[in-house]
Amino acid sequence: MPRQSISFSKPNDEWLKAQINNEEYSSKSELVNDLIRQARKQYAHIDWIRAKLEKSERSGFTSETKEQILKQSKSLLNG
């Protein structure tokens, strides 16, 4: 795995240390990697929503209810 050197602002560094002290994560690297994974998942979800909206705009209508769309959206977020 490639090594990187990054700097954090004082509030962000303190927050990272607090997460490690709370034993949520074992290291800053683990925490930062998890945050990146979460951000990537969010971008995938946003892309999915964007594609659905574009398809809906082209077709004019969707047969799915808002509850169905919300359920499918949540299932994508939860993996």
N, C-alpha and C. Protein backbone atom coordinates (compact mmCIF):
# COMPACT_ATOMS: atom_id res chain seq x y z
N MET A 1 0.85 -1.17 0.00
CA MET A 1 0.00 0.00 0.00
C MET A 1 0.89 1.23 0.00
N PRO A 2 0.60 2.19 -0.89
CA PRO A 2 1.43 3.39 -0.94
C PRO A 2 1.32 4.22 0.33
N ARG A 3 2.43 4.80 0.73
CA ARG A 3 2.43 5.68 1.91
C ARG A 3 2.26 7.11 1.45
N GLN A 4 1.54 7.89 2.23
CA GLN A 4 1.31 9.29 1.94
C GLN A 4 1.61 10.10 3.19
N SER A 5 2.00 11.31 2.98
CA SER A 5 2.19 12.23 4.09
C SER A 5 1.19 13.35 3.92
N ILE A 6 0.31 13.52 4.89
CA ILE A 6 -0.69 14.59 4.80
C ILE A 6 -0.71 15.38 6.10
N SER A 7 -1.16 16.61 6.00
CA SER A 7 -1.26 17.48 7.17
C SER A 7 -2.73 17.74 7.48
N PHE A 8 -3.04 17.88 8.75
CA PHE A 8 -4.40 18.15 9.19
C PHE A 8 -4.43 19.45 9.96
N SER A 9 -5.55 20.14 9.87
CA SER A 9 -5.73 21.32 10.71
C SER A 9 -5.84 20.82 12.16
N LYS A 10 -5.60 21.71 13.10
CA LYS A 10 -5.64 21.32 14.50
C LYS A 10 -6.98 20.71 14.90
N PRO A 11 -8.14 21.33 14.55
CA PRO A 11 -9.42 20.71 14.93
C PRO A 11 -9.61 19.32 14.31
N ASN A 12 -9.19 19.16 13.05
CA ASN A 12 -9.33 17.85 12.42
C ASN A 12 -8.42 16.82 13.06
N ASP A 13 -7.20 17.22 13.40
CA ASP A 13 -6.28 16.30 14.06
C ASP A 13 -6.81 15.88 15.42
N GLU A 14 -7.36 16.83 16.16
CA GLU A 14 -7.94 16.50 17.47
C GLU A 14 -9.12 15.55 17.33
N TRP A 15 -9.95 15.77 16.30
CA TRP A 15 -11.09 14.87 16.07
C TRP A 15 -10.60 13.46 15.74
N LEU A 16 -9.58 13.37 14.87
CA LEU A 16 -9.01 12.06 14.52
C LEU A 16 -8.49 11.36 15.77
N LYS A 17 -7.74 12.09 16.60
CA LYS A 17 -7.20 11.50 17.82
C LYS A 17 -8.31 11.04 18.75
N ALA A 18 -9.40 11.80 18.83
CA ALA A 18 -10.52 11.42 19.70
C ALA A 18 -11.15 10.11 19.23
N GLN A 19 -11.25 9.92 17.92
CA GLN A 19 -11.83 8.68 17.40
C GLN A 19 -10.95 7.48 17.76
N ILE A 20 -9.65 7.70 17.70
CA ILE A 20 -8.71 6.62 18.04
C ILE A 20 -8.76 6.37 19.55
N ASN A 21 -8.80 7.43 20.34
CA ASN A 21 -8.88 7.28 21.80
C ASN A 21 -10.17 6.59 22.23
N ASN A 22 -11.25 6.80 21.47
CA ASN A 22 -12.52 6.12 21.76
C ASN A 22 -12.53 4.69 21.26
N GLU A 23 -11.40 4.26 20.69
CA GLU A 23 -11.23 2.91 20.16
C GLU A 23 -12.18 2.60 19.03
N GLU A 24 -12.62 3.67 18.31
CA GLU A 24 -13.42 3.46 17.11
C GLU A 24 -12.53 2.92 15.99
N TYR A 25 -11.30 3.38 15.97
CA TYR A 25 -10.31 2.98 14.97
C TYR A 25 -8.98 2.77 15.66
N SER A 26 -8.12 1.97 15.03
CA SER A 26 -6.83 1.69 15.65
C SER A 26 -5.75 2.68 15.22
N SER A 27 -5.99 3.40 14.13
CA SER A 27 -4.98 4.36 13.66
C SER A 27 -5.65 5.43 12.79
N LYS A 28 -4.91 6.52 12.60
CA LYS A 28 -5.41 7.58 11.72
C LYS A 28 -5.56 7.06 10.29
N SER A 29 -4.64 6.21 9.87
CA SER A 29 -4.70 5.66 8.52
C SER A 29 -5.99 4.87 8.31
N GLU A 30 -6.33 4.05 9.27
CA GLU A 30 -7.56 3.25 9.18
C GLU A 30 -8.77 4.18 9.09
N LEU A 31 -8.79 5.21 9.90
CA LEU A 31 -9.90 6.15 9.92
C LEU A 31 -10.00 6.92 8.60
N VAL A 32 -8.88 7.43 8.11
CA VAL A 32 -8.90 8.18 6.86
C VAL A 32 -9.35 7.28 5.71
N ASN A 33 -8.86 6.04 5.66
CA ASN A 33 -9.29 5.11 4.63
C ASN A 33 -10.79 4.85 4.71
N ASP A 34 -11.32 4.73 5.92
CA ASP A 34 -12.75 4.51 6.08
C ASP A 34 -13.55 5.73 5.60
N LEU A 35 -13.08 6.92 5.93
CA LEU A 35 -13.75 8.14 5.47
C LEU A 35 -13.74 8.23 3.95
N ILE A 36 -12.64 7.84 3.33
CA ILE A 36 -12.56 7.85 1.86
C ILE A 36 -13.53 6.82 1.28
N ARG A 37 -13.60 5.62 1.87
CA ARG A 37 -14.55 4.61 1.40
C ARG A 37 -15.98 5.13 1.47
N GLN A 38 -16.31 5.79 2.60
CA GLN A 38 -17.65 6.34 2.75
C GLN A 38 -17.93 7.40 1.69
N ALA A 39 -16.96 8.26 1.43
CA ALA A 39 -17.14 9.31 0.41
C ALA A 39 -17.32 8.69 -0.97
N ARG A 40 -16.55 7.65 -1.27
CA ARG A 40 -16.69 6.97 -2.56
C ARG A 40 -18.06 6.35 -2.70
N LYS A 41 -18.57 5.76 -1.62
CA LYS A 41 -19.90 5.16 -1.64
C LYS A 41 -20.96 6.25 -1.87
N GLN A 42 -20.78 7.40 -1.23
CA GLN A 42 -21.72 8.50 -1.42
C GLN A 42 -21.71 8.98 -2.86
N TYR A 43 -20.52 9.10 -3.46
CA TYR A 43 -20.44 9.51 -4.85
C TYR A 43 -21.14 8.50 -5.76
N ALA A 44 -20.98 7.21 -5.47
CA ALA A 44 -21.66 6.18 -6.26
C ALA A 44 -23.18 6.35 -6.14
N HIS A 45 -23.62 6.64 -4.93
CA HIS A 45 -25.05 6.83 -4.69
C HIS A 45 -25.55 8.08 -5.44
N ILE A 46 -24.78 9.15 -5.39
CA ILE A 46 -25.15 10.37 -6.11
C ILE A 46 -25.22 10.11 -7.61
N ASP A 47 -24.26 9.36 -8.13
CA ASP A 47 -24.26 9.02 -9.55
C ASP A 47 -25.51 8.21 -9.91
N TRP A 48 -25.90 7.27 -9.03
CA TRP A 48 -27.09 6.46 -9.25
C TRP A 48 -28.33 7.36 -9.28
N ILE A 49 -28.43 8.29 -8.33
CA ILE A 49 -29.58 9.21 -8.28
C ILE A 49 -29.60 10.08 -9.54
N ARG A 50 -28.44 10.58 -9.92
CA ARG A 50 -28.35 11.42 -11.12
C ARG A 50 -28.82 10.65 -12.35
N ALA A 51 -28.39 9.40 -12.48
CA ALA A 51 -28.81 8.58 -13.62
C ALA A 51 -30.32 8.35 -13.60
N LYS A 52 -30.88 8.09 -12.42
CA LYS A 52 -32.33 7.90 -12.30
C LYS A 52 -33.07 9.17 -12.70
N LEU A 53 -32.58 10.31 -12.23
CA LEU A 53 -33.22 11.59 -12.56
C LEU A 53 -33.16 11.86 -14.07
N GLU A 54 -32.00 11.61 -14.66
CA GLU A 54 -31.86 11.84 -16.10
C GLU A 54 -32.79 10.91 -16.89
N LYS A 55 -32.87 9.65 -16.47
CA LYS A 55 -33.77 8.70 -17.13
C LYS A 55 -35.22 9.15 -16.97
N SER A 56 -35.57 9.58 -15.78
CA SER A 56 -36.94 10.04 -15.53
C SER A 56 -37.26 11.28 -16.35
N GLU A 57 -36.30 12.19 -16.44
CA GLU A 57 -36.52 13.40 -17.23
C GLU A 57 -36.73 13.06 -18.70
N ARG A 58 -35.99 12.08 -19.19
CA ARG A 58 -36.14 11.68 -20.60
C ARG A 58 -37.48 10.99 -20.84
N SER A 59 -37.91 10.15 -19.88
CA SER A 59 -39.15 9.40 -20.07
C SER A 59 -40.38 10.20 -19.66
N GLY A 60 -40.17 11.17 -18.81
CA GLY A 60 -41.30 11.99 -18.37
C GLY A 60 -41.94 11.47 -17.10
N PHE A 61 -41.93 10.17 -16.88
CA PHE A 61 -42.58 9.59 -15.70
C PHE A 61 -41.81 8.36 -15.22
N THR A 62 -42.03 7.99 -13.97
CA THR A 62 -41.54 6.73 -13.43
C THR A 62 -42.71 5.99 -12.82
N SER A 63 -42.67 4.68 -12.90
CA SER A 63 -43.75 3.89 -12.32
C SER A 63 -43.49 3.57 -10.85
N GLU A 64 -42.27 3.86 -10.38
CA GLU A 64 -41.92 3.58 -8.99
C GLU A 64 -42.51 4.66 -8.08
N THR A 65 -42.95 4.20 -6.90
CA THR A 65 -43.43 5.16 -5.91
C THR A 65 -42.24 5.79 -5.21
N LYS A 66 -42.48 6.89 -4.52
CA LYS A 66 -41.37 7.51 -3.79
C LYS A 66 -40.85 6.59 -2.71
N GLU A 67 -41.73 5.75 -2.14
CA GLU A 67 -41.29 4.78 -1.12
C GLU A 67 -40.36 3.73 -1.74
N GLN A 68 -40.68 3.28 -2.95
CA GLN A 68 -39.83 2.30 -3.63
C GLN A 68 -38.46 2.90 -3.96
N ILE A 69 -38.48 4.13 -4.45
CA ILE A 69 -37.22 4.79 -4.78
C ILE A 69 -36.38 4.99 -3.52
N LEU A 70 -37.02 5.42 -2.42
CA LEU A 70 -36.31 5.61 -1.16
C LEU A 70 -35.74 4.29 -0.64
N LYS A 71 -36.53 3.22 -0.73
CA LYS A 71 -36.06 1.91 -0.26
C LYS A 71 -34.85 1.45 -1.07
N GLN A 72 -34.92 1.60 -2.37
CA GLN A 72 -33.79 1.19 -3.22
C GLN A 72 -32.57 2.05 -2.93
N SER A 73 -32.79 3.33 -2.73
CA SER A 73 -31.69 4.25 -2.41
C SER A 73 -31.01 3.85 -1.12
N LYS A 74 -31.80 3.56 -0.09
CA LYS A 74 -31.24 3.17 1.21
C LYS A 74 -30.49 1.85 1.11
N SER A 75 -31.00 0.92 0.31
CA SER A 75 -30.31 -0.37 0.18
C SER A 75 -28.95 -0.19 -0.49
N LEU A 76 -28.84 0.75 -1.42
CA LEU A 76 -27.54 1.02 -2.02
C LEU A 76 -26.57 1.63 -1.03
N LEU A 77 -27.06 2.50 -0.17
CA LEU A 77 -26.20 3.12 0.84
C LEU A 77 -25.70 2.09 1.85
N ASN A 78 -26.55 1.12 2.17
CA ASN A 78 -26.19 0.13 3.19
C ASN A 78 -25.39 -1.03 2.59
N GLY A 79 -25.13 -0.98 1.33
CA GLY A 79 -24.30 -1.98 0.67
C GLY A 79 -25.02 -3.23 0.45
